[in-house]
C-alpha atoms as a PDB file:
ATOM      1  CA  MET A   1       0.000   0.000   0.000  1.00  0.00           C
ATOM      2  CA  ILE A   2       1.060   3.608  -0.622  1.00  0.00           C
ATOM      3  CA  GLY A   3       1.246   5.622   2.558  1.00  0.00           C
ATOM      4  CA  PRO A   4       1.092   9.389   3.100  1.00  0.00           C
ATOM      5  CA  GLU A   5       4.896   9.651   2.985  1.00  0.00           C
ATOM      6  CA  ASP A   6       5.001   7.951  -0.419  1.00  0.00           C
ATOM      7  CA  THR A   7       2.311  10.293  -1.744  1.00  0.00           C
ATOM      8  CA  HIS A   8       4.282  13.354  -0.639  1.00  0.00           C
ATOM      9  CA  ALA A   9       7.483  11.934  -2.188  1.00  0.00           C
ATOM     10  CA  MET A  10       5.725  11.303  -5.497  1.00  0.00           C
ATOM     11  CA  GLN A  11       4.265  14.807  -5.461  1.00  0.00           C
ATOM     12  CA  ASP A  12       7.723  16.325  -4.811  1.00  0.00           C
ATOM     13  CA  GLU A  13       9.199  14.264  -7.649  1.00  0.00           C
ATOM     14  CA  LYS A  14       6.425  15.413 -10.005  1.00  0.00           C
ATOM     15  CA  GLU A  15       7.031  19.040  -9.088  1.00  0.00           C
ATOM     16  CA  GLY A  16      10.766  18.538  -9.772  1.00  0.00           C
ATOM     17  CA  CYS A  17       9.986  17.096 -13.174  1.00  0.00           C
ATOM     18  CA  ASP A  18       7.725  20.026 -13.944  1.00  0.00           C
ATOM     19  CA  LEU A  19      10.697  22.339 -13.419  1.00  0.00           C
ATOM     20  CA  LEU A  20      12.849  20.437 -15.946  1.00  0.00           C
ATOM     21  CA  ASP A  21      13.134  22.271 -19.282  1.00  0.00           C
ATOM     22  CA  LEU A  22      12.906  19.535 -21.882  1.00  0.00           C
ATOM     23  CA  ASP A  23      13.927  22.028 -24.583  1.00  0.00           C
ATOM     24  CA  ALA A  24      17.331  22.596 -22.987  1.00  0.00           C
ATOM     25  CA  PRO A  25      20.026  21.626 -25.588  1.00  0.00           C
ATOM     26  CA  GLY A  26      22.254  20.208 -22.846  1.00  0.00           C
ATOM     27  CA  LEU A  27      19.854  17.310 -22.372  1.00  0.00           C
ATOM     28  CA  TYR A  28      20.473  15.980 -25.877  1.00  0.00           C
ATOM     29  CA  ILE A  29      23.357  14.408 -27.787  1.00  0.00           C
ATOM     30  CA  ASN A  30      23.903  15.345 -31.406  1.00  0.00           C
ATOM     31  CA  ARG A  31      22.820  12.511 -33.707  1.00  0.00           C
ATOM     32  CA  GLU A  32      25.826  12.741 -36.042  1.00  0.00           C
ATOM     33  CA  LEU A  33      28.405  12.925 -33.260  1.00  0.00           C
ATOM     34  CA  SER A  34      26.703  10.033 -31.477  1.00  0.00           C
ATOM     35  CA  TRP A  35      27.011   7.982 -34.669  1.00  0.00           C
ATOM     36  CA  LEU A  36      30.733   8.788 -34.904  1.00  0.00           C
ATOM     37  CA  SER A  37      31.169   7.773 -31.252  1.00  0.00           C
ATOM     38  CA  PHE A  38      29.542   4.453 -32.085  1.00  0.00           C
ATOM     39  CA  ASN A  39      31.912   3.938 -35.003  1.00  0.00           C
ATOM     40  CA  ARG A  40      34.838   4.749 -32.706  1.00  0.00           C
ATOM     41  CA  ARG A  41      33.690   1.861 -30.515  1.00  0.00           C
ATOM     42  CA  VAL A  42      33.617  -0.405 -33.572  1.00  0.00           C
ATOM     43  CA  LEU A  43      37.243   0.598 -34.233  1.00  0.00           C
ATOM     44  CA  GLU A  44      38.099  -0.177 -30.613  1.00  0.00           C
ATOM     45  CA  GLU A  45      36.862  -3.720 -31.204  1.00  0.00           C
ATOM     46  CA  ALA A  46      39.333  -3.978 -34.099  1.00  0.00           C
ATOM     47  CA  GLN A  47      42.074  -2.715 -31.784  1.00  0.00           C
ATOM     48  CA  ASP A  48      41.279  -5.260 -29.067  1.00  0.00           C
ATOM     49  CA  PRO A  49      43.906  -8.059 -29.112  1.00  0.00           C
ATOM     50  CA  ALA A  50      41.534 -10.292 -27.162  1.00  0.00           C
ATOM     51  CA  HIS A  51      39.511 -10.876 -30.338  1.00  0.00           C
ATOM     52  CA  PRO A  52      40.612 -13.398 -33.000  1.00  0.00           C
ATOM     53  CA  LEU A  53      42.674 -11.790 -35.746  1.00  0.00           C
ATOM     54  CA  LEU A  54      40.149 -12.256 -38.557  1.00  0.00           C
ATOM     55  CA  GLU A  55      37.369 -10.900 -36.344  1.00  0.00           C
ATOM     56  CA  ARG A  56      39.455  -7.785 -35.787  1.00  0.00           C
ATOM     57  CA  LEU A  57      39.837  -7.426 -39.547  1.00  0.00           C
ATOM     58  CA  LYS A  58      36.057  -7.652 -39.925  1.00  0.00           C
ATOM     59  CA  PHE A  59      35.558  -4.918 -37.331  1.00  0.00           C
ATOM     60  CA  LEU A  60      38.048  -2.693 -39.164  1.00  0.00           C
ATOM     61  CA  ALA A  61      36.231  -3.283 -42.467  1.00  0.00           C
ATOM     62  CA  ILE A  62      32.884  -2.491 -40.807  1.00  0.00           C
ATOM     63  CA  CYS A  63      34.333   0.736 -39.421  1.00  0.00           C
ATOM     64  CA  GLY A  64      35.473   1.764 -42.912  1.00  0.00           C
ATOM     65  CA  SER A  65      32.171   0.926 -44.616  1.00  0.00           C
ATOM     66  CA  ASN A  66      30.292   2.746 -41.843  1.00  0.00           C
ATOM     67  CA  LEU A  67      32.324   5.873 -42.550  1.00  0.00           C
ATOM     68  CA  ASP A  68      31.512   5.599 -46.252  1.00  0.00           C
ATOM     69  CA  GLU A  69      27.797   5.461 -45.471  1.00  0.00           C
ATOM     70  CA  PHE A  70      28.119   8.310 -42.956  1.00  0.00           C
ATOM     71  CA  PHE A  71      29.550  10.651 -45.578  1.00  0.00           C
ATOM     72  CA  MET A  72      27.196   9.479 -48.332  1.00  0.00           C
ATOM     73  CA  VAL A  73      24.062  10.014 -46.256  1.00  0.00           C
ATOM     74  CA  ARG A  74      24.622  12.019 -43.071  1.00  0.00           C
ATOM     75  CA  VAL A  75      27.248  14.552 -44.201  1.00  0.00           C
ATOM     76  CA  SER A  76      25.644  14.982 -47.609  1.00  0.00           C
ATOM     77  CA  GLY A  77      22.324  15.691 -45.893  1.00  0.00           C
ATOM     78  CA  LEU A  78      23.905  18.424 -43.781  1.00  0.00           C
ATOM     79  CA  LEU A  79      25.578  19.974 -46.813  1.00  0.00           C
ATOM     80  CA  ARG A  80      22.285  19.973 -48.687  1.00  0.00           C
ATOM     81  CA  GLN A  81      20.655  21.790 -45.767  1.00  0.00           C
ATOM     82  CA  VAL A  82      23.429  24.394 -45.910  1.00  0.00           C
ATOM     83  CA  GLU A  83      22.792  24.931 -49.625  1.00  0.00           C
ATOM     84  CA  GLU A  84      19.061  25.271 -49.024  1.00  0.00           C
ATOM     85  CA  GLY A  85      19.606  27.767 -46.204  1.00  0.00           C
ATOM     86  CA  ALA A  86      17.960  25.669 -43.495  1.00  0.00           C
ATOM     87  CA  LEU A  87      17.963  27.506 -40.153  1.00  0.00           C
ATOM     88  CA  GLU A  88      16.148  25.118 -37.811  1.00  0.00           C
ATOM     89  CA  THR A  89      18.494  23.486 -35.300  1.00  0.00           C
ATOM     90  CA  PRO A  90      18.121  19.971 -33.872  1.00  0.00           C
ATOM     91  CA  PRO A  91      17.217  19.438 -30.178  1.00  0.00           C
ATOM     92  CA  ASP A  92      20.907  19.599 -29.191  1.00  0.00           C
ATOM     93  CA  GLY A  93      21.025  23.200 -30.436  1.00  0.00           C
ATOM     94  CA  MET A  94      24.014  22.806 -32.769  1.00  0.00           C
ATOM     95  CA  THR A  95      23.897  24.823 -35.989  1.00  0.00           C
ATOM     96  CA  LEU A  96      24.804  23.246 -39.326  1.00  0.00           C
ATOM     97  CA  ALA A  97      28.215  24.936 -39.292  1.00  0.00           C
ATOM     98  CA  GLU A  98      28.886  23.717 -35.751  1.00  0.00           C
ATOM     99  CA  GLN A  99      27.886  20.156 -36.663  1.00  0.00           C
ATOM    100  CA  LEU A 100      30.116  20.083 -39.761  1.00  0.00           C
ATOM    101  CA  ALA A 101      33.052  21.523 -37.777  1.00  0.00           C
ATOM    102  CA  ALA A 102      32.580  18.967 -34.990  1.00  0.00           C
ATOM    103  CA  ILE A 103      32.322  16.135 -37.541  1.00  0.00           C
ATOM    104  CA  ARG A 104      35.556  17.286 -39.177  1.00  0.00           C
ATOM    105  CA  THR A 105      37.349  17.299 -35.820  1.00  0.00           C
ATOM    106  CA  ALA A 106      36.054  13.830 -34.893  1.00  0.00           C
ATOM    107  CA  VAL A 107      36.854  12.293 -38.272  1.00  0.00           C
ATOM    108  CA  ARG A 108      40.351  13.800 -38.370  1.00  0.00           C
ATOM    109  CA  SER A 109      41.131  11.976 -35.128  1.00  0.00           C
ATOM    110  CA  LEU A 110      39.449   8.754 -36.278  1.00  0.00           C
ATOM    111  CA  TYR A 111      41.372   8.357 -39.541  1.00  0.00           C
ATOM    112  CA  PRO A 112      44.881   8.225 -37.975  1.00  0.00           C
ATOM    113  CA  ALA A 113      43.663   5.676 -35.427  1.00  0.00           C
ATOM    114  CA  TYR A 114      42.157   3.614 -38.250  1.00  0.00           C
ATOM    115  CA  ALA A 115      45.389   3.732 -40.265  1.00  0.00           C
ATOM    116  CA  HIS A 116      47.499   2.920 -37.197  1.00  0.00           C
ATOM    117  CA  CYS A 117      45.343  -0.125 -36.442  1.00  0.00           C
ATOM    118  CA  TRP A 118      45.823  -1.452 -39.980  1.00  0.00           C
ATOM    119  CA  GLU A 119      49.445  -0.578 -40.630  1.00  0.00           C
ATOM    120  CA  ASP A 120      51.036  -0.998 -37.191  1.00  0.00           C
ATOM    121  CA  ASP A 121      48.824  -3.635 -35.612  1.00  0.00           C
ATOM    122  CA  LEU A 122      46.886  -5.879 -37.977  1.00  0.00           C
ATOM    123  CA  LEU A 123      49.410  -6.036 -40.830  1.00  0.00           C
ATOM    124  CA  PRO A 124      52.240  -7.260 -38.543  1.00  0.00           C
ATOM    125  CA  ALA A 125      49.809  -9.680 -36.890  1.00  0.00           C
ATOM    126  CA  LEU A 126      48.851 -11.091 -40.290  1.00  0.00           C
ATOM    127  CA  GLY A 127      52.528 -11.463 -41.150  1.00  0.00           C
ATOM    128  CA  ALA A 128      53.157 -13.321 -37.904  1.00  0.00           C
ATOM    129  CA  ALA A 129      50.271 -15.630 -38.797  1.00  0.00           C
ATOM    130  CA  GLY A 130      51.880 -16.403 -42.157  1.00  0.00           C
ATOM    131  CA  ILE A 131      49.815 -14.054 -44.350  1.00  0.00           C
ATOM    132  CA  ALA A 132      52.037 -11.333 -45.792  1.00  0.00           C
ATOM    133  CA  ILE A 133      50.725  -8.215 -47.523  1.00  0.00           C
ATOM    134  CA  ASN A 134      53.704  -6.534 -49.145  1.00  0.00           C
ATOM    135  CA  ARG A 135      54.529  -3.681 -51.433  1.00  0.00           C
ATOM    136  CA  VAL A 136      55.525  -4.742 -54.939  1.00  0.00           C
ATOM    137  CA  ALA A 137      58.850  -2.935 -54.572  1.00  0.00           C
ATOM    138  CA  ASP A 138      59.719  -5.062 -51.514  1.00  0.00           C
ATOM    139  CA  LEU A 139      59.218  -8.428 -53.241  1.00  0.00           C
ATOM    140  CA  ASP A 140      61.938 -10.655 -54.654  1.00  0.00           C
ATOM    141  CA  PRO A 141      62.752 -10.037 -58.346  1.00  0.00           C
ATOM    142  CA  SER A 142      61.245 -13.389 -59.319  1.00  0.00           C
ATOM    143  CA  LEU A 143      57.914 -12.557 -57.673  1.00  0.00           C
ATOM    144  CA  ARG A 144      57.911  -9.079 -59.211  1.00  0.00           C
ATOM    145  CA  ALA A 145      58.494 -10.593 -62.635  1.00  0.00           C
ATOM    146  CA  ALA A 146      55.638 -13.067 -62.156  1.00  0.00           C
ATOM    147  CA  LEU A 147      53.300 -10.292 -61.022  1.00  0.00           C
ATOM    148  CA  ARG A 148      54.298  -8.145 -63.994  1.00  0.00           C
ATOM    149  CA  GLU A 149      53.447 -10.985 -66.338  1.00  0.00           C
ATOM    150  CA  THR A 150      50.064 -11.421 -64.617  1.00  0.00           C
ATOM    151  CA  PHE A 151      49.454  -7.689 -64.894  1.00  0.00           C
ATOM    152  CA  GLU A 152      50.363  -7.606 -68.579  1.00  0.00           C
ATOM    153  CA  THR A 153      48.181 -10.570 -69.561  1.00  0.00           C
ATOM    154  CA  SER A 154      45.140 -10.099 -67.301  1.00  0.00           C
ATOM    155  CA  ILE A 155      44.894  -6.611 -65.802  1.00  0.00           C
ATOM    156  CA  LEU A 156      46.410  -4.321 -68.438  1.00  0.00           C
ATOM    157  CA  PRO A 157      43.733  -5.060 -71.095  1.00  0.00           C
ATOM    158  CA  THR A 158      41.019  -3.857 -68.697  1.00  0.00           C
ATOM    159  CA  LEU A 159      42.619  -0.459 -67.984  1.00  0.00           C
ATOM    160  CA  THR A 160      41.663   2.730 -69.794  1.00  0.00           C
ATOM    161  CA  PRO A 161      43.674   5.809 -68.761  1.00  0.00           C
ATOM    162  CA  MET A 162      41.685   9.039 -68.971  1.00  0.00           C
ATOM    163  CA  ALA A 163      43.902  12.070 -69.641  1.00  0.00           C
ATOM    164  CA  PHE A 164      42.673  15.627 -69.387  1.00  0.00           C
ATOM    165  CA  ASP A 165      43.970  19.006 -70.454  1.00  0.00           C
ATOM    166  CA  ALA A 166      42.605  22.200 -71.985  1.00  0.00           C
ATOM    167  CA  ALA A 167      41.018  20.224 -74.827  1.00  0.00           C
ATOM    168  CA  ARG A 168      39.670  17.332 -72.715  1.00  0.00           C
ATOM    169  CA  PRO A 169      37.469  17.816 -69.631  1.00  0.00           C
ATOM    170  CA  PHE A 170      38.170  16.159 -66.325  1.00  0.00           C
ATOM    171  CA  PRO A 171      36.855  12.568 -66.434  1.00  0.00           C
ATOM    172  CA  PHE A 172      33.857  11.621 -64.364  1.00  0.00           C
ATOM    173  CA  ILE A 173      34.790   9.852 -61.103  1.00  0.00           C
ATOM    174  CA  SER A 174      32.122   7.483 -59.819  1.00  0.00           C
ATOM    175  CA  SER A 175      31.448   7.250 -56.098  1.00  0.00           C
ATOM    176  CA  LEU A 176      33.795   5.029 -54.055  1.00  0.00           C
ATOM    177  CA  ALA A 177      35.709   3.971 -57.177  1.00  0.00           C
ATOM    178  CA  LEU A 178      39.394   3.441 -56.394  1.00  0.00           C
ATOM    179  CA  SER A 179      41.583   5.331 -58.872  1.00  0.00           C
ATOM    180  CA  LEU A 180      45.161   6.391 -59.476  1.00  0.00           C
ATOM    181  CA  ALA A 181      46.045  10.005 -60.191  1.00  0.00           C
ATOM    182  CA  VAL A 182      49.057   9.724 -62.502  1.00  0.00           C
ATOM    183  CA  VAL A 183      51.458  12.443 -63.609  1.00  0.00           C
ATOM    184  CA  VAL A 184      53.545  11.585 -66.687  1.00  0.00           C
ATOM    185  CA  ARG A 185      56.169  13.548 -68.599  1.00  0.00           C
ATOM    186  CA  ASP A 186      56.676  13.580 -72.363  1.00  0.00           C
ATOM    187  CA  GLY A 187      60.032  13.503 -74.052  1.00  0.00           C
ATOM    188  CA  ASP A 188      60.071  17.313 -74.135  1.00  0.00           C
ATOM    189  CA  GLY A 189      59.603  17.448 -70.355  1.00  0.00           C
ATOM    190  CA  SER A 190      55.999  18.668 -70.373  1.00  0.00           C
ATOM    191  CA  SER A 191      53.748  17.101 -67.721  1.00  0.00           C
ATOM    192  CA  ARG A 192      50.346  15.529 -68.264  1.00  0.00           C
ATOM    193  CA  PHE A 193      47.753  14.285 -65.805  1.00  0.00           C
ATOM    194  CA  ALA A 194      45.734  11.089 -66.189  1.00  0.00           C
ATOM    195  CA  ARG A 195      43.299   9.081 -64.140  1.00  0.00           C
ATOM    196  CA  VAL A 196      43.418   5.272 -64.100  1.00  0.00           C
ATOM    197  CA  LYS A 197      40.511   3.402 -62.535  1.00  0.00           C
ATOM    198  CA  VAL A 198      41.673   0.397 -60.504  1.00  0.00           C
ATOM    199  CA  PRO A 199      39.488  -2.604 -61.502  1.00  0.00           C
ATOM    200  CA  VAL A 200      38.744  -3.817 -57.977  1.00  0.00           C
ATOM    201  CA  GLY A 201      35.384  -5.185 -59.086  1.00  0.00           C
ATOM    202  CA  LEU A 202      37.076  -7.558 -61.534  1.00  0.00           C
ATOM    203  CA  PHE A 203      40.144  -8.691 -59.604  1.00  0.00           C
ATOM    204  CA  GLY A 204      39.507  -7.927 -55.934  1.00  0.00           C
ATOM    205  CA  ARG A 205      41.525  -5.612 -53.720  1.00  0.00           C
ATOM    206  CA  PHE A 206      44.425  -8.050 -53.199  1.00  0.00           C
ATOM    207  CA  SER A 207      46.519  -9.851 -55.815  1.00  0.00           C
ATOM    208  CA  PRO A 208      48.387 -13.034 -54.836  1.00  0.00           C
ATOM    209  CA  ALA A 209      52.155 -12.930 -55.219  1.00  0.00           C
ATOM    210  CA  ASP A 210      52.509 -16.538 -54.067  1.00  0.00           C
ATOM    211  CA  ALA A 211      50.625 -18.992 -51.848  1.00  0.00           C
ATOM    212  CA  ARG A 212      50.723 -16.784 -48.718  1.00  0.00           C
ATOM    213  CA  SER A 213      51.807 -13.374 -49.977  1.00  0.00           C
ATOM    214  CA  PHE A 214      49.630 -10.629 -51.432  1.00  0.00           C
ATOM    215  CA  VAL A 215      49.922  -7.101 -52.798  1.00  0.00           C
ATOM    216  CA  LEU A 216      47.320  -4.372 -53.085  1.00  0.00           C
ATOM    217  CA  LEU A 217      45.866  -4.138 -56.568  1.00  0.00           C
ATOM    218  CA  GLU A 218      46.451  -0.374 -56.769  1.00  0.00           C
ATOM    219  CA  ASP A 219      50.115  -0.932 -55.872  1.00  0.00           C
ATOM    220  CA  LEU A 220      50.433  -3.543 -58.609  1.00  0.00           C
ATOM    221  CA  VAL A 221      48.912  -1.162 -61.167  1.00  0.00           C
ATOM    222  CA  ALA A 222      51.129   1.725 -60.021  1.00  0.00           C
ATOM    223  CA  ALA A 223      54.250  -0.442 -60.241  1.00  0.00           C
ATOM    224  CA  ASN A 224      53.551  -1.247 -63.912  1.00  0.00           C
ATOM    225  CA  LEU A 225      52.336   2.079 -65.256  1.00  0.00           C
ATOM    226  CA  ASP A 226      55.209   2.135 -67.742  1.00  0.00           C
ATOM    227  CA  LEU A 227      53.311  -0.536 -69.705  1.00  0.00           C
ATOM    228  CA  LEU A 228      50.249   1.707 -69.775  1.00  0.00           C
ATOM    229  CA  PHE A 229      52.184   4.846 -70.762  1.00  0.00           C
ATOM    230  CA  PRO A 230      54.971   3.600 -73.060  1.00  0.00           C
ATOM    231  CA  GLY A 231      57.669   6.120 -73.898  1.00  0.00           C
ATOM    232  CA  MET A 232      56.700   8.408 -71.003  1.00  0.00           C
ATOM    233  CA  GLU A 233      58.287   9.019 -67.627  1.00  0.00           C
ATOM    234  CA  ILE A 234      56.057   8.248 -64.642  1.00  0.00           C
ATOM    235  CA  ALA A 235      56.524  11.262 -62.383  1.00  0.00           C
ATOM    236  CA  GLY A 236      54.156  10.026 -59.689  1.00  0.00           C
ATOM    237  CA  ALA A 237      50.996   8.082 -58.895  1.00  0.00           C
ATOM    238  CA  TRP A 238      48.608   8.483 -55.979  1.00  0.00           C
ATOM    239  CA  ALA A 239      45.581   6.394 -55.055  1.00  0.00           C
ATOM    240  CA  PHE A 240      42.408   8.369 -54.414  1.00  0.00           C
ATOM    241  CA  ARG A 241      38.691   7.889 -53.933  1.00  0.00           C
ATOM    242  CA  VAL A 242      35.690  10.201 -54.206  1.00  0.00           C
ATOM    243  CA  THR A 243      32.538   9.785 -52.119  1.00  0.00           C
ATOM    244  CA  ARG A 244      29.319  11.203 -53.549  1.00  0.00           C
ATOM    245  CA  ASP A 245      25.967  12.146 -52.066  1.00  0.00           C
ATOM    246  CA  ALA A 246      23.862   8.973 -51.887  1.00  0.00           C
ATOM    247  CA  GLU A 247      20.877  10.270 -49.942  1.00  0.00           C
ATOM    248  CA  ILE A 248      17.697   9.675 -51.917  1.00  0.00           C
ATOM    249  CA  GLU A 249      15.307  12.612 -51.851  1.00  0.00           C
ATOM    250  CA  VAL A 250      11.932  11.378 -53.058  1.00  0.00           C
ATOM    251  CA  GLN A 251       9.493  13.987 -54.320  1.00  0.00           C
ATOM    252  CA  ILE A 252       6.079  12.729 -55.366  1.00  0.00           C
ATOM    253  CA  GLU A 253       4.419  15.018 -57.902  1.00  0.00           C
ATOM    254  CA  GLU A 254       0.995  14.799 -59.454  1.00  0.00           C
ATOM    255  CA  GLY A 255       0.795  11.919 -61.884  1.00  0.00           C
ATOM    256  CA  SER A 256       3.985  10.239 -60.613  1.00  0.00           C
ATOM    257  CA  ASP A 257       4.333   7.128 -58.501  1.00  0.00           C
ATOM    258  CA  LEU A 258       6.645   6.089 -55.685  1.00  0.00           C
ATOM    259  CA  LEU A 259       8.554   3.473 -57.723  1.00  0.00           C
ATOM    260  CA  THR A 260       9.402   5.973 -60.463  1.00  0.00           C
ATOM    261  CA  ALA A 261      10.471   8.577 -57.917  1.00  0.00           C
ATOM    262  CA  VAL A 262      12.774   6.098 -56.168  1.00  0.00           C
ATOM    263  CA  GLU A 263      14.261   4.944 -59.481  1.00  0.00           C
ATOM    264  CA  GLU A 264      15.017   8.549 -60.425  1.00  0.00           C
ATOM    265  CA  GLY A 265      16.588   9.129 -57.013  1.00  0.00           C
ATOM    266  CA  VAL A 266      18.820   6.068 -57.357  1.00  0.00           C
ATOM    267  CA  ALA A 267      19.883   7.105 -60.869  1.00  0.00           C
ATOM    268  CA  HIS A 268      20.780  10.581 -59.563  1.00  0.00           C
ATOM    269  CA  ARG A 269      23.192   9.086 -57.003  1.00  0.00           C
ATOM    270  CA  ARG A 270      25.750   8.269 -59.702  1.00  0.00           C
ATOM    271  CA  THR A 271      26.267  11.916 -60.664  1.00  0.00           C
ATOM    272  CA  ALA A 272      25.515  13.503 -57.296  1.00  0.00           C
ATOM    273  CA  ASP A 273      27.791  16.063 -55.648  1.00  0.00           C
ATOM    274  CA  ALA A 274      31.079  14.912 -54.128  1.00  0.00           C
ATOM    275  CA  VAL A 275      31.215  15.114 -50.332  1.00  0.00           C
ATOM    276  CA  ARG A 276      34.628  13.551 -49.588  1.00  0.00           C
ATOM    277  CA  LEU A 277      38.009  13.088 -51.263  1.00  0.00           C
ATOM    278  CA  GLU A 278      40.515  10.543 -49.914  1.00  0.00           C
ATOM    279  CA  VAL A 279      44.116  10.552 -51.147  1.00  0.00           C
ATOM    280  CA  ALA A 280      46.650   7.930 -50.110  1.00  0.00           C
END
C-alpha cells in the first residue's frame, strides 16, 4: 500500500519534473556525433587483441564501410541543408556549421587511429600468422616478374587511362571507385595528368604474389604504369577515392508514382555532388 509519505514523495518528484526544461540543448546528444562515437567503438573492437585476428579485420572493415555510409548520407544531408539555407536546429542546439566543424574534428582523429590499427597492428599480426601483404617494390625479383606478367596478360587489357587538359574535360569519377592520379612527362619534359581506374570489381583488392603473400591491386597497377604509358616518364601516382551524395530525396508530384520517384533518385546518385576526397 502507498502511505502518506510515499504520496508526498511522489508529489515532490512530479514538481521537480515540472521544473525540468525539456527544450534545454544540454539534455540531448547530437545525432551525427553520437554515430561517430559508435563507429569509434567499432574501431576499438578492431584494436582489441583479445579478439581473434580475422574478427578484428572484420571490425576494421565495418568501421570503414560505416564511414563511407556516414559521408554518403549524413554529411551529404547536412551539406544539402546548408545549400538550401535551413535555419532550424536539432534538439541539441548545434547549428549546421557547428555540426560540420565537430564532424571534421572527430573524423580527423578517427582516420589516424584507423590507419594505425591497420598498418602498425593488424598487418604485422597477419605477417606473424603467415599471411604477408607486401609492397611490390619489396618483393623478390622473381615474384615481381611473375606479377608483372600477370598484370600484362590479365589486368592491363582492362585499364583505360583518362587524360585531361585544356582540350579534354576532367573525367567523371564514380562514387567510391578506387583510382590512381598519374602524372607523366613527355620527351620534351611537359607534364600531363591522367586518371586510371583500378578494376577492384574484376580482380579484388588483393593480388596473390605466391601462396601466402599478397599485394594491393592499386600498388600492382602503379608499379607497372610504364606498360600503360609507353615512352613516357612516370613522375608520380597516388591512389584516391571520391565519395558522392547517396541520400535519396523522393518527391512525389501529381501523376507520378513512388517506384518511379525512387528509381530517379537512385539514378541521380551516380552523378551527385562529391562530399569527400581521400588521397593515399
